[in-house]
Amino acid sequence: MGYLKWILNHLWKRDKLYHAIAGIVIYIVGALLFEPYIGVLLAFVAGAGKEIYDEFYRKTGGDPWDYFATITPAIIAFLINLLF
């Protein structure tokens, strides 16, 4: 139970919410303009690119939780799209 509480504390910060919104918007745009799998791929690339930028250019360090928060909504939306 402590692990779940730790995850929720990290995912419910405002920064993670912004990453989640960016991930779902990127997915939707990619899925509408191209194909759903392209939308997921774009979310993966954007999330990784942002963390690489943070690590090497902003010098703030990349956060794997930010990457996770970016790609998770895209993956969920993609899976829902596959089911329906």
Protein backbone atom coordinates (compact mmCIF):
# COMPACT_ATOMS: atom_id res chain seq x y z
CA MET A 1 0.00 0.00 0.00
CA GLY A 2 2.90 2.34 0.67
CA TYR A 3 4.08 1.96 -2.94
CA LEU A 4 0.67 3.02 -4.30
CA LYS A 5 0.62 6.06 -2.02
CA TRP A 6 4.12 7.00 -3.22
CA ILE A 7 3.03 6.74 -6.88
CA LEU A 8 -0.09 8.84 -6.30
CA ASN A 9 1.94 11.51 -4.51
CA HIS A 10 4.24 11.76 -7.54
CA LEU A 11 1.57 11.64 -10.22
CA TRP A 12 -0.89 14.15 -8.82
CA LYS A 13 1.42 17.14 -8.91
CA ARG A 14 0.54 19.99 -11.25
CA ASP A 15 3.59 19.35 -13.44
CA LYS A 16 2.49 15.76 -14.03
CA LEU A 17 -0.99 16.96 -14.95
CA TYR A 18 0.51 19.25 -17.59
CA HIS A 19 2.52 16.36 -18.98
CA ALA A 20 -0.62 14.18 -19.10
CA ILE A 21 -2.57 16.89 -20.92
CA ALA A 22 0.27 17.37 -23.41
CA GLY A 23 0.48 13.62 -24.00
CA ILE A 24 -3.23 13.24 -24.71
CA VAL A 25 -3.35 16.32 -26.96
CA ILE A 26 -0.35 15.07 -28.96
CA TYR A 27 -1.99 11.66 -29.28
CA ILE A 28 -5.32 13.09 -30.43
CA VAL A 29 -3.73 15.37 -33.02
CA GLY A 30 -1.53 12.57 -34.34
CA ALA A 31 -4.42 10.10 -34.41
CA LEU A 32 -6.72 12.52 -36.23
CA LEU A 33 -4.15 13.70 -38.77
CA PHE A 34 -2.52 10.33 -39.39
CA GLU A 35 -3.25 7.05 -37.62
CA PRO A 36 -3.71 6.16 -33.93
CA TYR A 37 -0.36 4.38 -33.75
CA ILE A 38 1.31 7.52 -35.11
CA GLY A 39 -0.33 9.50 -32.30
CA VAL A 40 1.16 7.16 -29.69
CA LEU A 41 4.54 7.30 -31.39
CA LEU A 42 4.43 11.11 -31.38
CA ALA A 43 3.59 11.13 -27.67
CA PHE A 44 6.52 8.79 -26.96
CA VAL A 45 8.91 10.95 -28.97
CA ALA A 46 7.63 14.22 -27.49
CA GLY A 47 7.89 12.89 -23.94
CA ALA A 48 11.41 11.57 -24.47
CA GLY A 49 12.44 14.74 -26.27
CA LYS A 50 11.21 16.93 -23.44
CA GLU A 51 13.12 14.92 -20.85
CA ILE A 52 16.28 14.92 -22.97
CA TYR A 53 15.91 18.70 -23.30
CA ASP A 54 15.52 19.02 -19.53
CA GLU A 55 18.56 16.83 -18.90
CA PHE A 56 21.05 18.37 -21.29
CA TYR A 57 19.91 21.92 -22.02
CA ARG A 58 17.98 23.15 -18.99
CA LYS A 59 20.29 21.21 -16.67
CA THR A 60 17.34 20.44 -14.37
CA GLY A 61 17.60 16.71 -14.91
CA GLY A 62 15.14 14.55 -16.75
CA ASP A 63 12.38 13.04 -14.66
CA PRO A 64 11.20 9.54 -15.62
CA TRP A 65 7.87 10.28 -13.90
CA ASP A 66 7.32 13.17 -16.30
CA TYR A 67 7.88 10.80 -19.21
CA PHE A 68 5.51 8.27 -17.65
CA ALA A 69 2.89 11.00 -17.13
CA THR A 70 3.20 12.04 -20.79
CA ILE A 71 2.89 8.62 -22.40
CA THR A 72 0.33 6.96 -20.10
CA PRO A 73 -2.75 8.89 -21.30
CA ALA A 74 -1.68 8.33 -24.92
CA ILE A 75 -1.35 4.59 -24.33
CA ILE A 76 -4.73 4.43 -22.57
CA ALA A 77 -6.42 6.40 -25.37
CA PHE A 78 -4.79 4.16 -27.97
CA LEU A 79 -5.99 1.00 -26.22
CA ILE A 80 -9.52 2.41 -25.93
CA ASN A 81 -9.38 3.27 -29.62
CA LEU A 82 -8.39 -0.32 -30.42
CA LEU A 83 -11.29 -1.71 -28.42
CA PHE A 84 -13.93 0.51 -29.97
